[in-house]
N, C-alpha and C. Protein backbone atom coordinates (compact mmCIF):
# COMPACT_ATOMS: atom_id res chain seq x y z
N MET A 1 0.65 -1.30 0.16
CA MET A 1 -0.13 -0.24 -0.18
C MET A 1 0.97 1.01 -0.02
N PRO A 2 0.64 1.79 -1.14
CA PRO A 2 1.80 3.24 -1.17
C PRO A 2 1.25 4.23 0.06
N ASP A 3 2.37 5.15 0.57
CA ASP A 3 2.01 6.23 1.09
C ASP A 3 1.18 7.56 0.55
N LYS A 4 1.00 8.52 0.71
CA LYS A 4 0.26 9.53 0.40
C LYS A 4 1.01 10.14 -1.12
N ASP A 5 2.26 9.82 -1.18
CA ASP A 5 3.27 10.45 -2.41
C ASP A 5 3.16 9.04 -3.44
N GLY A 6 2.34 7.83 -3.08
CA GLY A 6 2.62 6.85 -3.96
C GLY A 6 3.87 6.03 -4.07
N MET A 7 4.31 5.95 -2.72
CA MET A 7 6.05 5.30 -2.30
C MET A 7 5.96 4.36 -1.40
N VAL A 8 6.57 3.15 -1.63
CA VAL A 8 6.57 2.30 -0.40
C VAL A 8 8.28 2.05 -0.25
N LEU A 9 8.37 1.22 1.02
CA LEU A 9 9.84 1.61 1.44
C LEU A 9 10.37 0.07 0.81
N ILE A 10 11.51 0.04 0.22
CA ILE A 10 11.94 -1.08 -0.12
C ILE A 10 13.39 -1.52 1.07
N VAL A 11 13.60 -2.60 1.49
CA VAL A 11 14.68 -2.69 2.44
C VAL A 11 15.45 -3.89 1.73
N SER A 12 16.76 -4.15 2.11
CA SER A 12 17.20 -5.59 1.48
C SER A 12 16.86 -6.61 3.00
N GLY A 13 17.07 -7.55 2.12
CA GLY A 13 16.86 -8.98 2.88
C GLY A 13 17.93 -9.17 3.85
N GLU A 14 17.80 -10.46 4.40
CA GLU A 14 19.03 -11.07 5.03
C GLU A 14 20.10 -11.34 4.09
N GLN A 15 19.80 -12.02 2.38
CA GLN A 15 20.31 -12.72 1.70
C GLN A 15 21.51 -11.64 1.21
N CYS A 16 20.71 -10.41 1.00
CA CYS A 16 21.64 -9.09 0.35
C CYS A 16 22.94 -8.67 1.43
N LYS A 17 23.67 -8.72 0.18
CA LYS A 17 25.07 -7.95 0.83
C LYS A 17 24.92 -6.46 1.08
N GLY A 18 25.31 -5.94 2.40
CA GLY A 18 24.76 -4.55 2.65
C GLY A 18 23.48 -4.13 2.86
N LYS A 19 23.25 -3.32 3.75
CA LYS A 19 21.82 -2.78 4.02
C LYS A 19 21.28 -1.48 3.08
N PHE A 20 20.12 -1.74 2.67
CA PHE A 20 19.85 -0.55 2.24
C PHE A 20 18.46 0.04 2.48
N ARG A 21 17.92 1.03 2.33
CA ARG A 21 16.43 1.13 2.58
C ARG A 21 16.09 2.44 1.56
N SER A 22 15.16 2.21 0.90
CA SER A 22 14.94 3.49 -0.27
C SER A 22 13.35 3.18 -0.39
N ARG A 23 12.85 4.53 -0.58
CA ARG A 23 11.55 4.90 -0.91
C ARG A 23 11.49 4.68 -2.38
N VAL A 24 10.60 3.87 -3.07
CA VAL A 24 10.42 3.82 -4.41
C VAL A 24 8.95 3.87 -4.91
N PRO A 25 8.69 4.34 -6.01
CA PRO A 25 7.24 4.01 -6.18
C PRO A 25 6.49 2.87 -6.31
N TYR A 26 5.48 2.71 -6.22
CA TYR A 26 4.68 1.47 -5.68
C TYR A 26 4.92 0.52 -6.92
N GLN A 27 4.39 1.04 -8.44
CA GLN A 27 4.94 0.19 -9.19
C GLN A 27 5.94 -0.40 -9.21
N LYS A 28 6.91 0.41 -9.10
CA LYS A 28 8.47 -0.35 -9.09
C LYS A 28 8.49 -1.56 -8.10
N ALA A 29 8.05 -1.20 -6.87
CA ALA A 29 8.14 -2.09 -5.84
C ALA A 29 7.05 -3.43 -6.35
N TRP A 30 5.99 -3.19 -6.71
CA TRP A 30 5.15 -4.29 -7.30
C TRP A 30 5.59 -5.17 -8.21
N LYS A 31 6.54 -4.43 -9.13
CA LYS A 31 7.06 -5.14 -10.21
C LYS A 31 8.24 -6.08 -9.94
N HIS A 32 8.72 -5.81 -8.66
CA HIS A 32 9.97 -6.80 -8.04
C HIS A 32 9.10 -7.86 -7.29
N VAL A 33 8.03 -7.30 -6.88
CA VAL A 33 7.43 -8.61 -5.85
C VAL A 33 6.62 -9.88 -7.42
N LYS A 34 6.22 -9.20 -7.89
CA LYS A 34 5.37 -9.83 -9.12
C LYS A 34 6.69 -10.85 -10.14
N GLU A 35 7.90 -10.26 -9.87
CA GLU A 35 9.02 -11.13 -10.90
C GLU A 35 9.75 -11.72 -10.00
N GLY A 36 9.35 -12.04 -8.87
CA GLY A 36 9.85 -12.87 -7.77
C GLY A 36 11.17 -12.19 -7.12
N SER A 37 11.90 -11.24 -7.00
CA SER A 37 12.79 -10.25 -6.41
C SER A 37 12.55 -9.89 -5.43
N ALA A 38 11.47 -10.06 -4.91
CA ALA A 38 11.06 -9.29 -3.54
C ALA A 38 9.77 -9.61 -3.01
N ILE A 39 9.23 -9.79 -1.87
CA ILE A 39 8.38 -10.20 -1.12
C ILE A 39 7.73 -8.89 -0.25
N ILE A 40 6.67 -9.04 0.10
CA ILE A 40 5.60 -7.96 0.78
C ILE A 40 6.10 -8.36 2.30
N LYS A 41 6.55 -7.17 3.09
CA LYS A 41 6.54 -7.76 4.53
C LYS A 41 5.50 -7.13 5.28
N ASP A 42 5.21 -5.73 4.95
CA ASP A 42 3.41 -5.58 5.16
C ASP A 42 3.18 -4.39 4.30
N LYS A 43 1.78 -3.63 4.89
CA LYS A 43 1.59 -2.68 3.94
C LYS A 43 2.28 -1.86 3.14
N ASN A 44 3.35 -1.09 4.41
CA ASN A 44 4.29 -0.32 3.58
C ASN A 44 5.42 -0.83 3.26
N THR A 45 6.03 -1.93 3.15
CA THR A 45 7.14 -2.26 3.32
C THR A 45 7.65 -3.30 2.37
N VAL A 46 8.59 -3.29 1.49
CA VAL A 46 8.88 -4.68 0.68
C VAL A 46 10.44 -4.96 0.59
N ILE A 47 10.55 -6.17 0.78
CA ILE A 47 11.82 -6.56 1.24
C ILE A 47 12.49 -7.01 -0.29
N LYS A 48 13.32 -6.65 -0.97
CA LYS A 48 14.13 -7.19 -1.94
C LYS A 48 15.07 -8.29 -1.30
N LEU A 49 15.27 -9.41 -2.13
CA LEU A 49 15.47 -10.96 -1.90
C LEU A 49 17.13 -10.94 -2.26
N TYR A 50 17.28 -9.93 -3.50
CA TYR A 50 18.77 -10.32 -3.91
C TYR A 50 19.30 -9.04 -4.47
N SER A 51 20.63 -9.03 -3.94
CA SER A 51 21.51 -7.85 -4.62
C SER A 51 21.57 -7.76 -5.94
N LYS A 52 22.05 -6.58 -6.79
CA LYS A 52 22.42 -6.97 -8.20
C LYS A 52 23.34 -7.77 -8.30
N CYS A 53 24.59 -7.93 -7.73
CA CYS A 53 25.20 -8.95 -7.75
C CYS A 53 24.92 -10.47 -7.89
N GLN A 54 24.06 -10.42 -7.02
CA GLN A 54 23.45 -11.97 -6.77
C GLN A 54 22.54 -12.43 -7.98
N VAL A 55 21.97 -11.18 -8.45
CA VAL A 55 20.80 -11.48 -9.73
C VAL A 55 21.70 -11.83 -10.49
N ARG A 56 22.79 -10.68 -10.86
CA ARG A 56 23.52 -11.42 -12.19
C ARG A 56 24.20 -12.92 -12.16
N LYS A 57 24.69 -13.08 -11.08
CA LYS A 57 25.37 -14.36 -10.64
C LYS A 57 24.22 -15.56 -11.29
N MET A 58 22.93 -15.27 -10.39
CA MET A 58 21.72 -16.33 -10.85
C MET A 58 21.46 -16.33 -12.22
N VAL A 59 21.59 -15.27 -12.92
CA VAL A 59 20.96 -15.34 -14.17
C VAL A 59 22.10 -16.14 -15.29
N LEU A 60 23.53 -15.58 -15.12
CA LEU A 60 24.42 -16.70 -15.95
C LEU A 60 24.44 -17.97 -15.48
N HIS A 61 23.92 -18.33 -14.31
CA HIS A 61 24.11 -19.66 -13.92
C HIS A 61 22.91 -20.45 -14.48
N ARG A 62 21.57 -19.63 -14.50
CA ARG A 62 20.46 -20.11 -15.04
C ARG A 62 20.76 -20.49 -16.79
N ASP A 63 21.14 -19.24 -17.42
CA ASP A 63 21.38 -19.48 -18.75
C ASP A 63 22.58 -20.13 -19.32
N LYS A 64 23.30 -20.86 -18.28
CA LYS A 64 24.60 -21.51 -18.60
C LYS A 64 25.41 -20.88 -19.27
N HIS A 65 25.90 -19.50 -19.05
CA HIS A 65 26.68 -18.28 -19.70
C HIS A 65 26.81 -18.51 -21.22
N ILE A 66 25.35 -19.00 -22.11
CA ILE A 66 25.31 -19.06 -23.18
C ILE A 66 24.43 -17.83 -23.55
N CYS A 67 24.97 -17.07 -24.35
CA CYS A 67 24.35 -15.65 -25.16
C CYS A 67 22.91 -15.95 -25.85
N HIS A 68 22.14 -15.15 -25.21
CA HIS A 68 20.63 -15.40 -25.80
C HIS A 68 20.43 -14.98 -27.39
N TYR A 69 21.35 -14.21 -27.83
CA TYR A 69 21.45 -13.62 -29.30
C TYR A 69 22.34 -14.59 -30.07
N CYS A 70 23.28 -14.82 -29.90
CA CYS A 70 24.11 -15.59 -30.82
C CYS A 70 24.72 -17.23 -30.46
N GLY A 71 24.41 -17.36 -29.34
CA GLY A 71 24.71 -18.83 -28.72
C GLY A 71 25.99 -18.88 -28.37
N GLU A 72 27.06 -17.76 -28.36
CA GLU A 72 28.39 -17.95 -28.12
C GLU A 72 28.26 -17.83 -26.70
N HIS A 73 29.44 -17.93 -25.87
CA HIS A 73 29.59 -17.98 -24.57
C HIS A 73 29.54 -16.36 -23.86
N GLY A 74 28.72 -16.24 -22.94
CA GLY A 74 28.16 -15.15 -22.22
C GLY A 74 28.67 -14.83 -21.11
N ASN A 75 29.06 -13.35 -20.84
CA ASN A 75 29.76 -13.23 -19.53
C ASN A 75 29.03 -11.88 -18.97
N THR A 76 27.65 -11.49 -19.44
CA THR A 76 27.49 -10.32 -19.30
C THR A 76 25.62 -10.48 -19.10
N VAL A 77 25.06 -9.76 -18.61
CA VAL A 77 23.66 -9.92 -18.41
C VAL A 77 23.02 -8.71 -18.93
N ASP A 78 21.54 -8.96 -19.76
CA ASP A 78 21.50 -7.70 -20.23
C ASP A 78 19.88 -7.80 -20.23
N HIS A 79 19.09 -6.49 -20.00
CA HIS A 79 18.02 -6.21 -19.78
C HIS A 79 17.06 -6.59 -21.04
N LYS A 80 15.90 -7.24 -20.98
CA LYS A 80 15.06 -7.58 -21.98
C LYS A 80 14.20 -6.19 -22.03
N VAL A 81 13.87 -5.60 -21.28
CA VAL A 81 13.19 -4.29 -21.45
C VAL A 81 14.20 -3.53 -20.80
N PRO A 82 15.06 -2.50 -21.41
CA PRO A 82 16.10 -1.74 -20.65
C PRO A 82 15.69 -0.73 -19.89
N LEU A 83 16.24 -0.43 -18.74
CA LEU A 83 16.27 0.63 -18.01
C LEU A 83 15.42 1.87 -18.32
N SER A 84 16.02 2.19 -19.31
CA SER A 84 15.46 3.50 -20.12
C SER A 84 14.40 3.21 -20.62
N HIS A 85 13.66 2.11 -20.99
CA HIS A 85 12.46 1.89 -21.27
C HIS A 85 11.43 1.45 -20.09
N GLY A 86 11.93 1.69 -18.81
CA GLY A 86 11.00 1.17 -17.75
C GLY A 86 11.23 0.04 -17.16
N GLY A 87 12.26 -0.92 -17.78
CA GLY A 87 12.65 -2.29 -17.07
C GLY A 87 13.40 -2.32 -15.65
N TYR A 88 13.30 -3.11 -15.28
CA TYR A 88 13.95 -3.38 -13.99
C TYR A 88 15.15 -4.55 -14.02
N THR A 89 15.80 -4.24 -12.96
CA THR A 89 16.83 -5.62 -12.57
C THR A 89 16.32 -6.54 -11.52
N THR A 90 15.62 -7.35 -12.19
CA THR A 90 15.14 -8.71 -12.01
C THR A 90 15.23 -9.59 -12.74
N PRO A 91 15.66 -11.17 -12.12
CA PRO A 91 15.54 -12.01 -13.00
C PRO A 91 14.67 -12.45 -14.19
N ALA A 92 13.48 -12.14 -13.93
CA ALA A 92 12.71 -12.28 -15.28
C ALA A 92 13.08 -11.31 -16.28
N ASN A 93 13.49 -10.16 -16.12
CA ASN A 93 13.69 -9.01 -17.22
C ASN A 93 15.20 -9.10 -17.54
N LEU A 94 16.07 -10.20 -17.34
CA LEU A 94 17.42 -10.41 -17.72
C LEU A 94 17.85 -11.50 -18.34
N VAL A 95 18.83 -11.29 -19.40
CA VAL A 95 19.28 -12.64 -20.13
C VAL A 95 20.68 -12.62 -19.96
N CYS A 96 21.32 -13.81 -20.34
CA CYS A 96 22.69 -13.74 -20.10
C CYS A 96 23.25 -13.54 -21.85
N SER A 97 24.30 -12.53 -22.14
CA SER A 97 24.52 -12.06 -23.46
C SER A 97 26.21 -11.78 -23.20
N CYS A 98 26.64 -12.17 -24.53
CA CYS A 98 27.94 -11.99 -24.70
C CYS A 98 28.36 -10.42 -24.89
N LEU A 99 29.26 -9.63 -24.71
CA LEU A 99 29.58 -8.51 -24.49
C LEU A 99 29.39 -7.70 -25.98
N LYS A 100 29.73 -8.51 -26.85
CA LYS A 100 29.68 -7.91 -28.56
C LYS A 100 28.10 -7.64 -28.76
N CYS A 101 26.92 -8.88 -28.44
CA CYS A 101 25.83 -8.47 -28.63
C CYS A 101 25.14 -7.59 -27.61
N ASN A 102 25.68 -7.67 -26.64
CA ASN A 102 25.10 -6.73 -25.37
C ASN A 102 25.18 -5.42 -25.94
N GLN A 103 26.44 -4.94 -26.60
CA GLN A 103 26.76 -3.53 -26.93
C GLN A 103 26.01 -3.60 -28.43
N MET A 104 25.77 -4.43 -29.10
CA MET A 104 25.17 -4.02 -30.56
C MET A 104 23.62 -3.81 -30.24
N LYS A 105 23.35 -4.58 -29.02
CA LYS A 105 21.58 -4.43 -28.96
C LYS A 105 21.44 -2.99 -28.45
N GLY A 106 22.14 -2.39 -27.59
CA GLY A 106 22.30 -1.01 -27.03
C GLY A 106 20.65 -0.81 -26.26
N VAL A 107 19.86 0.21 -26.46
CA VAL A 107 18.68 0.46 -25.93
C VAL A 107 17.66 -0.44 -26.62
N LYS A 108 17.56 -1.10 -27.49
CA LYS A 108 16.35 -2.06 -28.07
C LYS A 108 15.87 -2.97 -26.97
N THR A 109 14.40 -3.57 -27.01
CA THR A 109 14.24 -4.28 -26.37
C THR A 109 14.64 -5.65 -26.76
N TYR A 110 14.57 -6.72 -26.00
CA TYR A 110 15.13 -8.38 -26.51
C TYR A 110 14.47 -8.50 -27.89
N TRP A 111 12.77 -8.33 -27.81
CA TRP A 111 12.31 -8.93 -29.03
C TRP A 111 12.65 -8.05 -30.32
N GLN A 112 13.02 -6.59 -30.08
CA GLN A 112 13.58 -5.56 -31.12
C GLN A 112 14.91 -6.65 -32.06
N PHE A 113 15.86 -6.72 -30.82
CA PHE A 113 16.85 -7.03 -31.21
C PHE A 113 16.88 -8.28 -31.99
N LYS A 114 15.81 -9.52 -31.64
CA LYS A 114 16.12 -10.53 -31.95
C LYS A 114 15.59 -10.57 -33.26
N LYS A 115 14.40 -10.04 -33.36
CA LYS A 115 13.76 -9.68 -34.77
C LYS A 115 15.12 -9.20 -36.07
N GLU A 116 15.99 -8.25 -35.63
CA GLU A 116 16.66 -7.65 -36.04
C GLU A 116 17.71 -8.77 -36.61
N LEU A 117 18.15 -9.62 -35.66
CA LEU A 117 19.07 -10.61 -35.85
C LEU A 117 18.55 -11.66 -36.89
N ALA A 118 17.08 -11.78 -36.82
CA ALA A 118 16.68 -13.07 -37.84
C ALA A 118 16.57 -12.28 -39.22
N ILE A 119 16.59 -11.16 -39.49
CA ILE A 119 16.44 -10.68 -41.04
C ILE A 119 17.55 -10.87 -41.22
């Protein structure tokens, strides 16, 4: 439940390295909950389950270090929906990518870039 400004408190969980507390828009907090990277503590607080570093390691492991675009070895993660388009750093919005493909993709969405590669 957001406060009068439409904000919710997001805090780090026990698994996160380092402690943080931040007020974020309700939609952002809800997106993290919906995509499984946070849980609701109470009506005003969301607990983030993983640090960015932990999410990166999870995605690389999940995708077996294989680039989603070219099939070569991947060592970076790429946002399906870029941050500049309103995407979030959650496992559901990240895929493994090689540096070359990640740079070529730029700010395109995952689906735009995949279509471009198929042409």
